[in-house]
Amino acid sequence: MATQRYHIEYAPSAIDDLRSLPKREAEQILRKVQRLEAGLHGNIKRLQNADVAFRLRMGDYRVLFDVVGDKILIQSVGHRKDIYE
């Protein structure tokens, strides 16, 4: 059975979020996000009553994203205490 391949795009707000993070954490998050191209694997949870559909957990950081067809749109990235506000 073939797994779905995704194309990843970043919203301008997500790019700003990544630039504001420490370099080490930003690089780790980018590597984890790149793995999503091969399929929705990892610590992913569908969000209820939120503006975005999914979140990817990476330590104390969260990546909020939507899936539209074969495209993953990264909406925002941030520390878990700040990201849901």
PDB file of N, CA and C in Angstrom:
ATOM      1  N   MET A   1       0.839  -1.189   0.000  1.00  0.00           N
ATOM      2  CA  MET A   1       0.000   0.000   0.000  1.00  0.00           C
ATOM      3  C   MET A   1       0.883   1.250   0.000  1.00  0.00           C
ATOM      4  N   ALA A   2       0.641   2.138  -0.931  1.00  0.00           N
ATOM      5  CA  ALA A   2       1.434   3.362  -1.059  1.00  0.00           C
ATOM      6  C   ALA A   2       0.947   4.408  -0.058  1.00  0.00           C
ATOM      7  N   THR A   3       1.889   5.117   0.514  1.00  0.00           N
ATOM      8  CA  THR A   3       1.519   6.202   1.415  1.00  0.00           C
ATOM      9  C   THR A   3       1.448   7.495   0.618  1.00  0.00           C
ATOM     10  N   GLN A   4       0.629   8.401   1.087  1.00  0.00           N
ATOM     11  CA  GLN A   4       0.460   9.671   0.380  1.00  0.00           C
ATOM     12  C   GLN A   4       1.669  10.565   0.594  1.00  0.00           C
ATOM     13  N   ARG A   5       2.090  11.226  -0.464  1.00  0.00           N
ATOM     14  CA  ARG A   5       3.169  12.204  -0.397  1.00  0.00           C
ATOM     15  C   ARG A   5       2.546  13.592  -0.313  1.00  0.00           C
ATOM     16  N   TYR A   6       3.137  14.447   0.487  1.00  0.00           N
ATOM     17  CA  TYR A   6       2.627  15.799   0.670  1.00  0.00           C
ATOM     18  C   TYR A   6       3.665  16.819   0.238  1.00  0.00           C
ATOM     19  N   HIS A   7       3.163  17.976  -0.132  1.00  0.00           N
ATOM     20  CA  HIS A   7       3.998  19.139  -0.434  1.00  0.00           C
ATOM     21  C   HIS A   7       3.827  20.105   0.738  1.00  0.00           C
ATOM     22  N   ILE A   8       4.923  20.619   1.278  1.00  0.00           N
ATOM     23  CA  ILE A   8       4.854  21.488   2.462  1.00  0.00           C
ATOM     24  C   ILE A   8       5.022  22.943   2.052  1.00  0.00           C
ATOM     25  N   GLU A   9       4.118  23.791   2.566  1.00  0.00           N
ATOM     26  CA  GLU A   9       4.203  25.239   2.373  1.00  0.00           C
ATOM     27  C   GLU A   9       4.126  25.905   3.739  1.00  0.00           C
ATOM     28  N   TYR A  10       4.788  27.047   3.850  1.00  0.00           N
ATOM     29  CA  TYR A  10       4.826  27.807   5.099  1.00  0.00           C
ATOM     30  C   TYR A  10       4.084  29.119   4.922  1.00  0.00           C
ATOM     31  N   ALA A  11       3.193  29.417   5.842  1.00  0.00           N
ATOM     32  CA  ALA A  11       2.536  30.720   5.868  1.00  0.00           C
ATOM     33  C   ALA A  11       3.572  31.755   6.324  1.00  0.00           C
ATOM     34  N   PRO A  12       3.411  33.012   5.912  1.00  0.00           N
ATOM     35  CA  PRO A  12       4.367  34.045   6.352  1.00  0.00           C
ATOM     36  C   PRO A  12       4.509  34.111   7.877  1.00  0.00           C
ATOM     37  N   SER A  13       3.421  33.904   8.607  1.00  0.00           N
ATOM     38  CA  SER A  13       3.497  33.941  10.077  1.00  0.00           C
ATOM     39  C   SER A  13       4.367  32.801  10.609  1.00  0.00           C
ATOM     40  N   ALA A  14       4.326  31.641   9.972  1.00  0.00           N
ATOM     41  CA  ALA A  14       5.151  30.516  10.416  1.00  0.00           C
ATOM     42  C   ALA A  14       6.625  30.791  10.165  1.00  0.00           C
ATOM     43  N   ILE A  15       6.938  31.441   9.060  1.00  0.00           N
ATOM     44  CA  ILE A  15       8.332  31.803   8.766  1.00  0.00           C
ATOM     45  C   ILE A  15       8.844  32.782   9.810  1.00  0.00           C
ATOM     46  N   ASP A  16       8.020  33.755  10.170  1.00  0.00           N
ATOM     47  CA  ASP A  16       8.403  34.704  11.224  1.00  0.00           C
ATOM     48  C   ASP A  16       8.611  33.983  12.558  1.00  0.00           C
ATOM     49  N   ASP A  17       7.711  33.032  12.865  1.00  0.00           N
ATOM     50  CA  ASP A  17       7.834  32.265  14.108  1.00  0.00           C
ATOM     51  C   ASP A  17       9.151  31.508  14.150  1.00  0.00           C
ATOM     52  N   LEU A  18       9.504  30.854  13.044  1.00  0.00           N
ATOM     53  CA  LEU A  18      10.752  30.087  13.003  1.00  0.00           C
ATOM     54  C   LEU A  18      11.970  30.991  13.157  1.00  0.00           C
ATOM     55  N   ARG A  19      11.926  32.158  12.555  1.00  0.00           N
ATOM     56  CA  ARG A  19      13.055  33.096  12.668  1.00  0.00           C
ATOM     57  C   ARG A  19      13.237  33.602  14.095  1.00  0.00           C
ATOM     58  N   SER A  20      12.168  33.628  14.874  1.00  0.00           N
ATOM     59  CA  SER A  20      12.261  34.134  16.240  1.00  0.00           C
ATOM     60  C   SER A  20      12.744  33.072  17.234  1.00  0.00           C
ATOM     61  N   LEU A  21      12.799  31.813  16.810  1.00  0.00           N
ATOM     62  CA  LEU A  21      13.234  30.738  17.698  1.00  0.00           C
ATOM     63  C   LEU A  21      14.754  30.634  17.718  1.00  0.00           C
ATOM     64  N   PRO A  22      15.292  30.029  18.790  1.00  0.00           N
ATOM     65  CA  PRO A  22      16.732  29.744  18.779  1.00  0.00           C
ATOM     66  C   PRO A  22      17.072  28.850  17.589  1.00  0.00           C
ATOM     67  N   LYS A  23      18.253  29.047  17.012  1.00  0.00           N
ATOM     68  CA  LYS A  23      18.624  28.360  15.771  1.00  0.00           C
ATOM     69  C   LYS A  23      18.541  26.844  15.903  1.00  0.00           C
ATOM     70  N   ARG A  24      18.995  26.298  16.999  1.00  0.00           N
ATOM     71  CA  ARG A  24      18.996  24.838  17.185  1.00  0.00           C
ATOM     72  C   ARG A  24      17.578  24.285  17.143  1.00  0.00           C
ATOM     73  N   GLU A  25      16.662  24.908  17.868  1.00  0.00           N
ATOM     74  CA  GLU A  25      15.276  24.445  17.890  1.00  0.00           C
ATOM     75  C   GLU A  25      14.616  24.592  16.520  1.00  0.00           C
ATOM     76  N   ALA A  26      14.886  25.707  15.844  1.00  0.00           N
ATOM     77  CA  ALA A  26      14.300  25.931  14.522  1.00  0.00           C
ATOM     78  C   ALA A  26      14.761  24.861  13.538  1.00  0.00           C
ATOM     79  N   GLU A  27      16.039  24.492  13.580  1.00  0.00           N
ATOM     80  CA  GLU A  27      16.541  23.453  12.682  1.00  0.00           C
ATOM     81  C   GLU A  27      15.909  22.100  12.974  1.00  0.00           C
ATOM     82  N   GLN A  28      15.737  21.772  14.254  1.00  0.00           N
ATOM     83  CA  GLN A  28      15.097  20.508  14.621  1.00  0.00           C
ATOM     84  C   GLN A  28      13.648  20.480  14.139  1.00  0.00           C
ATOM     85  N   ILE A  29      12.951  21.578  14.291  1.00  0.00           N
ATOM     86  CA  ILE A  29      11.556  21.652  13.860  1.00  0.00           C
ATOM     87  C   ILE A  29      11.470  21.504  12.341  1.00  0.00           C
ATOM     88  N   LEU A  30      12.348  22.161  11.606  1.00  0.00           N
ATOM     89  CA  LEU A  30      12.340  22.045  10.146  1.00  0.00           C
ATOM     90  C   LEU A  30      12.580  20.610   9.693  1.00  0.00           C
ATOM     91  N   ARG A  31      13.497  19.904  10.370  1.00  0.00           N
ATOM     92  CA  ARG A  31      13.738  18.497  10.017  1.00  0.00           C
ATOM     93  C   ARG A  31      12.499  17.651  10.277  1.00  0.00           C
ATOM     94  N   LYS A  32      11.840  17.902  11.383  1.00  0.00           N
ATOM     95  CA  LYS A  32      10.636  17.130  11.729  1.00  0.00           C
ATOM     96  C   LYS A  32       9.510  17.431  10.743  1.00  0.00           C
ATOM     97  N   VAL A  33       9.358  18.680  10.357  1.00  0.00           N
ATOM     98  CA  VAL A  33       8.323  19.058   9.396  1.00  0.00           C
ATOM     99  C   VAL A  33       8.604  18.407   8.042  1.00  0.00           C
ATOM    100  N   GLN A  34       9.874  18.347   7.620  1.00  0.00           N
ATOM    101  CA  GLN A  34      10.206  17.728   6.341  1.00  0.00           C
ATOM    102  C   GLN A  34       9.784  16.265   6.293  1.00  0.00           C
ATOM    103  N   ARG A  35       9.796  15.588   7.435  1.00  0.00           N
ATOM    104  CA  ARG A  35       9.369  14.185   7.487  1.00  0.00           C
ATOM    105  C   ARG A  35       7.887  14.028   7.167  1.00  0.00           C
ATOM    106  N   LEU A  36       7.115  15.100   7.330  1.00  0.00           N
ATOM    107  CA  LEU A  36       5.686  15.034   7.023  1.00  0.00           C
ATOM    108  C   LEU A  36       5.437  14.846   5.529  1.00  0.00           C
ATOM    109  N   GLU A  37       6.420  15.151   4.685  1.00  0.00           N
ATOM    110  CA  GLU A  37       6.245  14.951   3.248  1.00  0.00           C
ATOM    111  C   GLU A  37       5.935  13.496   2.924  1.00  0.00           C
ATOM    112  N   ALA A  38       6.468  12.574   3.706  1.00  0.00           N
ATOM    113  CA  ALA A  38       6.269  11.142   3.471  1.00  0.00           C
ATOM    114  C   ALA A  38       4.948  10.641   4.050  1.00  0.00           C
ATOM    115  N   GLY A  39       4.244  11.461   4.784  1.00  0.00           N
ATOM    116  CA  GLY A  39       2.969  11.065   5.374  1.00  0.00           C
ATOM    117  C   GLY A  39       2.799  11.678   6.748  1.00  0.00           C
ATOM    118  N   LEU A  40       1.590  11.643   7.240  1.00  0.00           N
ATOM    119  CA  LEU A  40       1.294  12.233   8.544  1.00  0.00           C
ATOM    120  C   LEU A  40       1.682  11.253   9.650  1.00  0.00           C
ATOM    121  N   HIS A  41       2.975  11.196   9.921  1.00  0.00           N
ATOM    122  CA  HIS A  41       3.506  10.314  10.951  1.00  0.00           C
ATOM    123  C   HIS A  41       4.166  11.169  12.025  1.00  0.00           C
ATOM    124  N   GLY A  42       4.153  10.693  13.233  1.00  0.00           N
ATOM    125  CA  GLY A  42       4.758  11.422  14.332  1.00  0.00           C
ATOM    126  C   GLY A  42       3.710  11.724  15.381  1.00  0.00           C
ATOM    127  N   ASN A  43       4.043  12.597  16.279  1.00  0.00           N
ATOM    128  CA  ASN A  43       3.132  12.949  17.363  1.00  0.00           C
ATOM    129  C   ASN A  43       2.172  14.026  16.866  1.00  0.00           C
ATOM    130  N   ILE A  44       1.193  13.602  16.078  1.00  0.00           N
ATOM    131  CA  ILE A  44       0.223  14.507  15.464  1.00  0.00           C
ATOM    132  C   ILE A  44      -1.132  14.293  16.110  1.00  0.00           C
ATOM    133  N   LYS A  45      -1.826  15.387  16.330  1.00  0.00           N
ATOM    134  CA  LYS A  45      -3.148  15.317  16.940  1.00  0.00           C
ATOM    135  C   LYS A  45      -4.081  16.253  16.182  1.00  0.00           C
ATOM    136  N   ARG A  46      -5.291  15.783  15.934  1.00  0.00           N
ATOM    137  CA  ARG A  46      -6.309  16.647  15.326  1.00  0.00           C
ATOM    138  C   ARG A  46      -6.856  17.548  16.430  1.00  0.00           C
ATOM    139  N   LEU A  47      -6.921  18.849  16.149  1.00  0.00           N
ATOM    140  CA  LEU A  47      -7.376  19.808  17.142  1.00  0.00           C
ATOM    141  C   LEU A  47      -8.886  20.023  17.036  1.00  0.00           C
ATOM    142  N   GLN A  48      -9.517  20.195  18.161  1.00  0.00           N
ATOM    143  CA  GLN A  48     -10.942  20.485  18.229  1.00  0.00           C
ATOM    144  C   GLN A  48     -11.134  21.967  18.540  1.00  0.00           C
ATOM    145  N   ASN A  49     -12.115  22.586  17.931  1.00  0.00           N
ATOM    146  CA  ASN A  49     -12.452  23.991  18.205  1.00  0.00           C
ATOM    147  C   ASN A  49     -11.257  24.923  18.067  1.00  0.00           C
ATOM    148  N   ALA A  50     -10.495  24.739  17.005  1.00  0.00           N
ATOM    149  CA  ALA A  50      -9.321  25.581  16.772  1.00  0.00           C
ATOM    150  C   ALA A  50      -9.346  26.103  15.341  1.00  0.00           C
ATOM    151  N   ASP A  51      -8.552  27.137  15.079  1.00  0.00           N
ATOM    152  CA  ASP A  51      -8.475  27.718  13.739  1.00  0.00           C
ATOM    153  C   ASP A  51      -7.732  26.809  12.755  1.00  0.00           C
ATOM    154  N   VAL A  52      -6.868  25.945  13.281  1.00  0.00           N
ATOM    155  CA  VAL A  52      -6.117  25.018  12.433  1.00  0.00           C
ATOM    156  C   VAL A  52      -6.532  23.588  12.758  1.00  0.00           C
ATOM    157  N   ALA A  53      -6.261  22.669  11.841  1.00  0.00           N
ATOM    158  CA  ALA A  53      -6.761  21.307  11.979  1.00  0.00           C
ATOM    159  C   ALA A  53      -5.866  20.395  12.811  1.00  0.00           C
ATOM    160  N   PHE A  54      -4.543  20.568  12.712  1.00  0.00           N
ATOM    161  CA  PHE A  54      -3.626  19.621  13.345  1.00  0.00           C
ATOM    162  C   PHE A  54      -2.509  20.328  14.090  1.00  0.00           C
ATOM    163  N   ARG A  55      -1.898  19.568  14.995  1.00  0.00           N
ATOM    164  CA  ARG A  55      -0.683  20.041  15.644  1.00  0.00           C
ATOM    165  C   ARG A  55       0.320  18.913  15.652  1.00  0.00           C
ATOM    166  N   LEU A  56       1.587  19.279  15.474  1.00  0.00           N
ATOM    167  CA  LEU A  56       2.705  18.356  15.571  1.00  0.00           C
ATOM    168  C   LEU A  56       3.495  18.746  16.805  1.00  0.00           C
ATOM    169  N   ARG A  57       3.721  17.787  17.693  1.00  0.00           N
ATOM    170  CA  ARG A  57       4.461  18.062  18.920  1.00  0.00           C
ATOM    171  C   ARG A  57       5.930  17.733  18.708  1.00  0.00           C
ATOM    172  N   MET A  58       6.787  18.651  19.163  1.00  0.00           N
ATOM    173  CA  MET A  58       8.224  18.421  19.139  1.00  0.00           C
ATOM    174  C   MET A  58       8.811  18.979  20.422  1.00  0.00           C
ATOM    175  N   GLY A  59       8.887  18.155  21.451  1.00  0.00           N
ATOM    176  CA  GLY A  59       9.360  18.613  22.752  1.00  0.00           C
ATOM    177  C   GLY A  59       8.406  19.650  23.310  1.00  0.00           C
ATOM    178  N   ASP A  60       8.933  20.818  23.661  1.00  0.00           N
ATOM    179  CA  ASP A  60       8.104  21.901  24.196  1.00  0.00           C
ATOM    180  C   ASP A  60       7.523  22.782  23.095  1.00  0.00           C
ATOM    181  N   TYR A  61       7.779  22.448  21.838  1.00  0.00           N
ATOM    182  CA  TYR A  61       7.300  23.264  20.726  1.00  0.00           C
ATOM    183  C   TYR A  61       6.176  22.568  19.981  1.00  0.00           C
ATOM    184  N   ARG A  62       5.321  23.376  19.366  1.00  0.00           N
ATOM    185  CA  ARG A  62       4.197  22.864  18.592  1.00  0.00           C
ATOM    186  C   ARG A  62       4.198  23.514  17.209  1.00  0.00           C
ATOM    187  N   VAL A  63       3.849  22.713  16.215  1.00  0.00           N
ATOM    188  CA  VAL A  63       3.687  23.191  14.846  1.00  0.00           C
ATOM    189  C   VAL A  63       2.218  23.013  14.512  1.00  0.00           C
ATOM    190  N   LEU A  64       1.526  24.100  14.216  1.00  0.00           N
ATOM    191  CA  LEU A  64       0.105  24.041  13.876  1.00  0.00           C
ATOM    192  C   LEU A  64      -0.023  24.106  12.364  1.00  0.00           C
ATOM    193  N   PHE A  65      -0.804  23.173  11.797  1.00  0.00           N
ATOM    194  CA  PHE A  65      -0.895  23.104  10.342  1.00  0.00           C
ATOM    195  C   PHE A  65      -2.247  22.585   9.880  1.00  0.00           C
ATOM    196  N   ASP A  66      -2.531  22.854   8.619  1.00  0.00           N
ATOM    197  CA  ASP A  66      -3.729  22.368   7.937  1.00  0.00           C
ATOM    198  C   ASP A  66      -3.291  21.464   6.798  1.00  0.00           C
ATOM    199  N   VAL A  67      -4.157  20.526   6.427  1.00  0.00           N
ATOM    200  CA  VAL A  67      -3.919  19.660   5.277  1.00  0.00           C
ATOM    201  C   VAL A  67      -5.023  19.925   4.269  1.00  0.00           C
ATOM    202  N   VAL A  68      -4.616  20.315   3.056  1.00  0.00           N
ATOM    203  CA  VAL A  68      -5.564  20.579   1.973  1.00  0.00           C
ATOM    204  C   VAL A  68      -5.111  19.751   0.774  1.00  0.00           C
ATOM    205  N   GLY A  69      -5.824  18.665   0.502  1.00  0.00           N
ATOM    206  CA  GLY A  69      -5.432  17.785  -0.593  1.00  0.00           C
ATOM    207  C   GLY A  69      -4.077  17.170  -0.319  1.00  0.00           C
ATOM    208  N   ASP A  70      -3.119  17.415  -1.203  1.00  0.00           N
ATOM    209  CA  ASP A  70      -1.772  16.879  -1.009  1.00  0.00           C
ATOM    210  C   ASP A  70      -0.805  17.949  -0.493  1.00  0.00           C
ATOM    211  N   LYS A  71      -1.354  19.003   0.099  1.00  0.00           N
ATOM    212  CA  LYS A  71      -0.536  20.113   0.593  1.00  0.00           C
ATOM    213  C   LYS A  71      -0.688  20.249   2.107  1.00  0.00           C
ATOM    214  N   ILE A  72       0.436  20.410   2.792  1.00  0.00           N
ATOM    215  CA  ILE A  72       0.448  20.718   4.222  1.00  0.00           C
ATOM    216  C   ILE A  72       0.846  22.177   4.345  1.00  0.00           C
ATOM    217  N   LEU A  73      -0.025  22.974   4.954  1.00  0.00           N
ATOM    218  CA  LEU A  73       0.247  24.398   5.141  1.00  0.00           C
ATOM    219  C   LEU A  73       0.571  24.650   6.613  1.00  0.00           C
ATOM    220  N   ILE A  74       1.821  24.965   6.872  1.00  0.00           N
ATOM    221  CA  ILE A  74       2.275  25.260   8.229  1.00  0.00           C
ATOM    222  C   ILE A  74       1.795  26.667   8.567  1.00  0.00           C
ATOM    223  N   GLN A  75       0.947  26.781   9.599  1.00  0.00           N
ATOM    224  CA  GLN A  75       0.356  28.070   9.969  1.00  0.00           C
ATOM    225  C   GLN A  75       1.169  28.816  11.026  1.00  0.00           C
ATOM    226  N   SER A  76       1.629  28.091  12.055  1.00  0.00           N
ATOM    227  CA  SER A  76       2.406  28.752  13.104  1.00  0.00           C
ATOM    228  C   SER A  76       3.261  27.738  13.844  1.00  0.00           C
ATOM    229  N   VAL A  77       4.305  28.264  14.487  1.00  0.00           N
ATOM    230  CA  VAL A  77       5.256  27.459  15.244  1.00  0.00           C
ATOM    231  C   VAL A  77       5.553  28.210  16.519  1.00  0.00           C
ATOM    232  N   GLY A  78       5.563  27.514  17.650  1.00  0.00           N
ATOM    233  CA  GLY A  78       5.886  28.210  18.887  1.00  0.00           C
ATOM    234  C   GLY A  78       5.943  27.296  20.087  1.00  0.00           C
ATOM    235  N   HIS A  79       6.302  27.884  21.213  1.00  0.00           N
ATOM    236  CA  HIS A  79       6.369  27.154  22.474  1.00  0.00           C
ATOM    237  C   HIS A  79       4.962  26.772  22.905  1.00  0.00           C
ATOM    238  N   ARG A  80       4.837  25.644  23.547  1.00  0.00           N
ATOM    239  CA  ARG A  80       3.515  25.119  23.901  1.00  0.00           C
ATOM    240  C   ARG A  80       2.718  26.053  24.806  1.00  0.00           C
ATOM    241  N   LYS A  81       3.382  26.858  25.626  1.00  0.00           N
ATOM    242  CA  LYS A  81       2.640  27.749  26.525  1.00  0.00           C
ATOM    243  C   LYS A  81       2.075  28.965  25.799  1.00  0.00           C
ATOM    244  N   ASP A  82       2.605  29.260  24.592  1.00  0.00           N
ATOM    245  CA  ASP A  82       2.176  30.451  23.864  1.00  0.00           C
ATOM    246  C   ASP A  82       1.386  30.159  22.598  1.00  0.00           C
ATOM    247  N   ILE A  83       1.509  28.977  22.046  1.00  0.00           N
ATOM    248  CA  ILE A  83       1.025  28.721  20.690  1.00  0.00           C
ATOM    249  C   ILE A  83      -0.504  28.726  20.570  1.00  0.00           C
ATOM    250  N   TYR A  84      -1.219  28.345  21.613  1.00  0.00           N
ATOM    251  CA  TYR A  84      -2.664  28.213  21.511  1.00  0.00           C
ATOM    252  C   TYR A  84      -3.430  29.486  21.830  1.00  0.00           C
ATOM    253  N   GLU A  85      -2.712  30.562  22.129  1.00  0.00           N
ATOM    254  CA  GLU A  85      -3.379  31.825  22.491  1.00  0.00           C
ATOM    255  C   GLU A  85      -3.918  32.555  21.285  1.00  0.00           C
TER     256      GLU A  85
END
